[in-house]
Amino acid sequence: MKDKTAIKEFIKKDLTRGKGISDLGDTDNLIESGIIDSLGIQLLVSYLEKNFSITIADDELMPDNFETIDAIWALINSKTK
């Protein structure tokens, strides 16, 4: 499963422990809501690189690319085309 659902499941399972998050929308702001922080972004980058066979460059590690599920998906799609 290499799609938005896989990303949501990773975030819910591995990044929201103890935060009481049960549902994530594609446009929910993950940073402003406190779902992910800088450490969470690093964990997410490792997950994305491994599971989507991409490399995320240092200059792509900006909040805009990780703000929402849609933004993360757009980043992945830009790397796989």
N, C-alpha and C. Protein backbone atom coordinates (compact mmCIF):
# COMPACT_ATOMS: atom_id res chain seq x y z
N MET A 1 0.85 -1.18 0.00
CA MET A 1 0.00 0.00 0.00
C MET A 1 0.89 1.24 0.00
N LYS A 2 1.06 1.84 -1.16
CA LYS A 2 1.87 3.04 -1.28
C LYS A 2 0.99 4.20 -1.74
N ASP A 3 0.26 4.76 -0.79
CA ASP A 3 -0.63 5.86 -1.11
C ASP A 3 -0.83 6.73 0.13
N LYS A 4 -1.75 7.66 0.03
CA LYS A 4 -2.02 8.56 1.16
C LYS A 4 -2.44 7.79 2.40
N THR A 5 -3.17 6.69 2.21
CA THR A 5 -3.62 5.90 3.35
C THR A 5 -2.44 5.36 4.15
N ALA A 6 -1.41 4.92 3.46
CA ALA A 6 -0.21 4.40 4.14
C ALA A 6 0.45 5.51 4.96
N ILE A 7 0.49 6.71 4.42
CA ILE A 7 1.09 7.83 5.13
C ILE A 7 0.27 8.16 6.38
N LYS A 8 -1.05 8.22 6.21
CA LYS A 8 -1.93 8.49 7.36
C LYS A 8 -1.75 7.45 8.44
N GLU A 9 -1.71 6.18 8.06
CA GLU A 9 -1.56 5.11 9.04
C GLU A 9 -0.23 5.22 9.78
N PHE A 10 0.84 5.54 9.07
CA PHE A 10 2.14 5.73 9.72
C PHE A 10 2.06 6.87 10.73
N ILE A 11 1.50 7.99 10.32
CA ILE A 11 1.42 9.15 11.21
C ILE A 11 0.57 8.80 12.44
N LYS A 12 -0.59 8.19 12.22
CA LYS A 12 -1.45 7.84 13.36
C LYS A 12 -0.78 6.83 14.29
N LYS A 13 -0.12 5.84 13.72
CA LYS A 13 0.47 4.76 14.52
C LYS A 13 1.75 5.20 15.22
N ASP A 14 2.62 5.90 14.50
CA ASP A 14 3.95 6.17 15.02
C ASP A 14 4.20 7.59 15.51
N LEU A 15 3.42 8.55 15.09
CA LEU A 15 3.70 9.93 15.45
C LEU A 15 2.68 10.58 16.37
N THR A 16 1.54 9.96 16.58
CA THR A 16 0.50 10.60 17.40
C THR A 16 0.28 9.91 18.74
N ARG A 17 1.18 9.04 19.11
CA ARG A 17 1.01 8.33 20.39
C ARG A 17 0.73 9.30 21.53
N GLY A 18 -0.32 9.03 22.25
CA GLY A 18 -0.66 9.83 23.41
C GLY A 18 -1.28 11.18 23.08
N LYS A 19 -1.54 11.47 21.82
CA LYS A 19 -2.11 12.77 21.46
C LYS A 19 -3.61 12.69 21.19
N GLY A 20 -4.19 11.51 21.28
CA GLY A 20 -5.62 11.35 21.11
C GLY A 20 -6.13 11.64 19.71
N ILE A 21 -5.33 11.41 18.70
CA ILE A 21 -5.73 11.65 17.32
C ILE A 21 -6.25 10.35 16.73
N SER A 22 -7.49 10.35 16.27
CA SER A 22 -8.05 9.13 15.71
C SER A 22 -8.29 9.23 14.21
N ASP A 23 -8.42 10.46 13.70
CA ASP A 23 -8.71 10.63 12.28
C ASP A 23 -7.89 11.79 11.74
N LEU A 24 -7.39 11.62 10.54
CA LEU A 24 -6.63 12.68 9.88
C LEU A 24 -7.23 12.95 8.51
N GLY A 25 -7.50 14.19 8.23
CA GLY A 25 -7.97 14.56 6.90
C GLY A 25 -6.80 14.95 6.02
N ASP A 26 -6.98 14.87 4.72
CA ASP A 26 -5.90 15.17 3.78
C ASP A 26 -5.41 16.61 3.87
N THR A 27 -6.26 17.50 4.37
CA THR A 27 -5.88 18.91 4.44
C THR A 27 -5.71 19.42 5.87
N ASP A 28 -5.77 18.53 6.85
CA ASP A 28 -5.53 18.93 8.24
C ASP A 28 -4.09 19.40 8.39
N ASN A 29 -3.88 20.52 9.08
CA ASN A 29 -2.53 21.04 9.27
C ASN A 29 -1.84 20.25 10.38
N LEU A 30 -0.90 19.42 9.99
CA LEU A 30 -0.22 18.51 10.91
C LEU A 30 0.74 19.24 11.83
N ILE A 31 1.29 20.34 11.37
CA ILE A 31 2.28 21.07 12.17
C ILE A 31 1.57 21.98 13.18
N GLU A 32 0.64 22.81 12.70
CA GLU A 32 -0.07 23.73 13.60
C GLU A 32 -0.85 22.99 14.67
N SER A 33 -1.37 21.80 14.34
CA SER A 33 -2.16 21.04 15.31
C SER A 33 -1.27 20.28 16.29
N GLY A 34 0.04 20.29 16.06
CA GLY A 34 0.96 19.61 16.97
C GLY A 34 1.08 18.12 16.73
N ILE A 35 0.52 17.63 15.64
CA ILE A 35 0.60 16.21 15.35
C ILE A 35 2.03 15.82 15.01
N ILE A 36 2.71 16.66 14.23
CA ILE A 36 4.13 16.40 13.97
C ILE A 36 4.95 17.64 14.30
N ASP A 37 6.16 17.38 14.77
CA ASP A 37 7.12 18.45 15.06
C ASP A 37 8.39 18.14 14.29
N SER A 38 9.49 18.79 14.62
CA SER A 38 10.72 18.59 13.85
C SER A 38 11.21 17.15 13.94
N LEU A 39 11.10 16.53 15.10
CA LEU A 39 11.49 15.12 15.23
C LEU A 39 10.54 14.24 14.41
N GLY A 40 9.26 14.56 14.45
CA GLY A 40 8.27 13.82 13.67
C GLY A 40 8.54 13.91 12.18
N ILE A 41 8.99 15.08 11.73
CA ILE A 41 9.31 15.24 10.32
C ILE A 41 10.49 14.33 9.95
N GLN A 42 11.48 14.26 10.82
CA GLN A 42 12.64 13.39 10.54
C GLN A 42 12.21 11.93 10.47
N LEU A 43 11.35 11.50 11.38
CA LEU A 43 10.85 10.13 11.35
C LEU A 43 10.02 9.88 10.09
N LEU A 44 9.22 10.86 9.74
CA LEU A 44 8.39 10.75 8.54
C LEU A 44 9.26 10.68 7.29
N VAL A 45 10.31 11.49 7.22
CA VAL A 45 11.22 11.47 6.07
C VAL A 45 11.86 10.09 5.94
N SER A 46 12.31 9.53 7.03
CA SER A 46 12.90 8.18 6.99
C SER A 46 11.90 7.16 6.47
N TYR A 47 10.68 7.25 6.96
CA TYR A 47 9.62 6.34 6.51
C TYR A 47 9.36 6.51 5.01
N LEU A 48 9.22 7.76 4.56
CA LEU A 48 8.92 8.02 3.15
C LEU A 48 10.05 7.54 2.25
N GLU A 49 11.28 7.82 2.64
CA GLU A 49 12.42 7.41 1.81
C GLU A 49 12.49 5.90 1.68
N LYS A 50 12.25 5.22 2.77
CA LYS A 50 12.31 3.76 2.76
C LYS A 50 11.15 3.14 2.00
N ASN A 51 9.95 3.59 2.28
CA ASN A 51 8.75 2.94 1.74
C ASN A 51 8.34 3.40 0.35
N PHE A 52 8.79 4.57 -0.05
CA PHE A 52 8.44 5.07 -1.37
C PHE A 52 9.65 5.13 -2.30
N SER A 53 10.79 4.64 -1.81
CA SER A 53 12.04 4.59 -2.59
C SER A 53 12.38 5.94 -3.21
N ILE A 54 12.37 6.96 -2.35
CA ILE A 54 12.73 8.31 -2.78
C ILE A 54 13.82 8.85 -1.87
N THR A 55 14.44 9.94 -2.29
CA THR A 55 15.38 10.67 -1.45
C THR A 55 14.87 12.09 -1.32
N ILE A 56 14.76 12.55 -0.10
CA ILE A 56 14.30 13.91 0.16
C ILE A 56 15.52 14.74 0.51
N ALA A 57 15.80 15.75 -0.31
CA ALA A 57 16.98 16.60 -0.14
C ALA A 57 16.79 17.56 1.04
N ASP A 58 17.91 18.02 1.57
CA ASP A 58 17.87 18.95 2.69
C ASP A 58 17.04 20.20 2.39
N ASP A 59 17.13 20.70 1.16
CA ASP A 59 16.38 21.92 0.82
C ASP A 59 14.88 21.66 0.69
N GLU A 60 14.47 20.40 0.72
CA GLU A 60 13.04 20.07 0.69
C GLU A 60 12.47 19.88 2.09
N LEU A 61 13.33 19.97 3.10
CA LEU A 61 12.88 19.79 4.49
C LEU A 61 12.33 21.10 5.03
N MET A 62 11.30 21.58 4.38
CA MET A 62 10.64 22.81 4.81
C MET A 62 9.22 22.48 5.26
N PRO A 63 8.70 23.21 6.23
CA PRO A 63 7.37 22.91 6.76
C PRO A 63 6.28 22.79 5.70
N ASP A 64 6.34 23.60 4.66
CA ASP A 64 5.30 23.56 3.62
C ASP A 64 5.14 22.17 3.02
N ASN A 65 6.22 21.41 2.92
CA ASN A 65 6.17 20.08 2.32
C ASN A 65 5.58 19.02 3.25
N PHE A 66 5.41 19.36 4.54
CA PHE A 66 4.94 18.38 5.52
C PHE A 66 3.73 18.88 6.31
N GLU A 67 3.15 19.97 5.85
CA GLU A 67 2.05 20.61 6.55
C GLU A 67 0.77 19.78 6.54
N THR A 68 0.50 19.13 5.42
CA THR A 68 -0.72 18.32 5.28
C THR A 68 -0.39 17.00 4.59
N ILE A 69 -1.32 16.07 4.64
CA ILE A 69 -1.16 14.81 3.91
C ILE A 69 -1.06 15.12 2.41
N ASP A 70 -1.88 16.05 1.93
CA ASP A 70 -1.83 16.43 0.51
C ASP A 70 -0.45 16.97 0.13
N ALA A 71 0.15 17.79 1.00
CA ALA A 71 1.48 18.35 0.71
C ALA A 71 2.54 17.25 0.68
N ILE A 72 2.45 16.32 1.60
CA ILE A 72 3.39 15.19 1.63
C ILE A 72 3.23 14.37 0.36
N TRP A 73 1.99 14.12 -0.03
CA TRP A 73 1.72 13.33 -1.24
C TRP A 73 2.25 14.04 -2.49
N ALA A 74 2.09 15.36 -2.53
CA ALA A 74 2.61 16.13 -3.67
C ALA A 74 4.13 16.03 -3.73
N LEU A 75 4.80 16.08 -2.58
CA LEU A 75 6.24 15.93 -2.54
C LEU A 75 6.66 14.56 -3.07
N ILE A 76 5.97 13.53 -2.63
CA ILE A 76 6.28 12.17 -3.10
C ILE A 76 6.08 12.09 -4.61
N ASN A 77 4.97 12.59 -5.10
CA ASN A 77 4.69 12.55 -6.53
C ASN A 77 5.72 13.32 -7.34
N SER A 78 6.23 14.40 -6.80
CA SER A 78 7.25 15.17 -7.53
C SER A 78 8.56 14.39 -7.62
N LYS A 79 8.76 13.45 -6.71
CA LYS A 79 9.99 12.66 -6.69
C LYS A 79 9.88 11.37 -7.51
N THR A 80 8.68 10.96 -7.81
CA THR A 80 8.50 9.67 -8.48
C THR A 80 8.12 9.79 -9.95
N LYS A 81 8.08 10.99 -10.48
CA LYS A 81 7.72 11.18 -11.89
C LYS A 81 8.94 11.37 -12.73
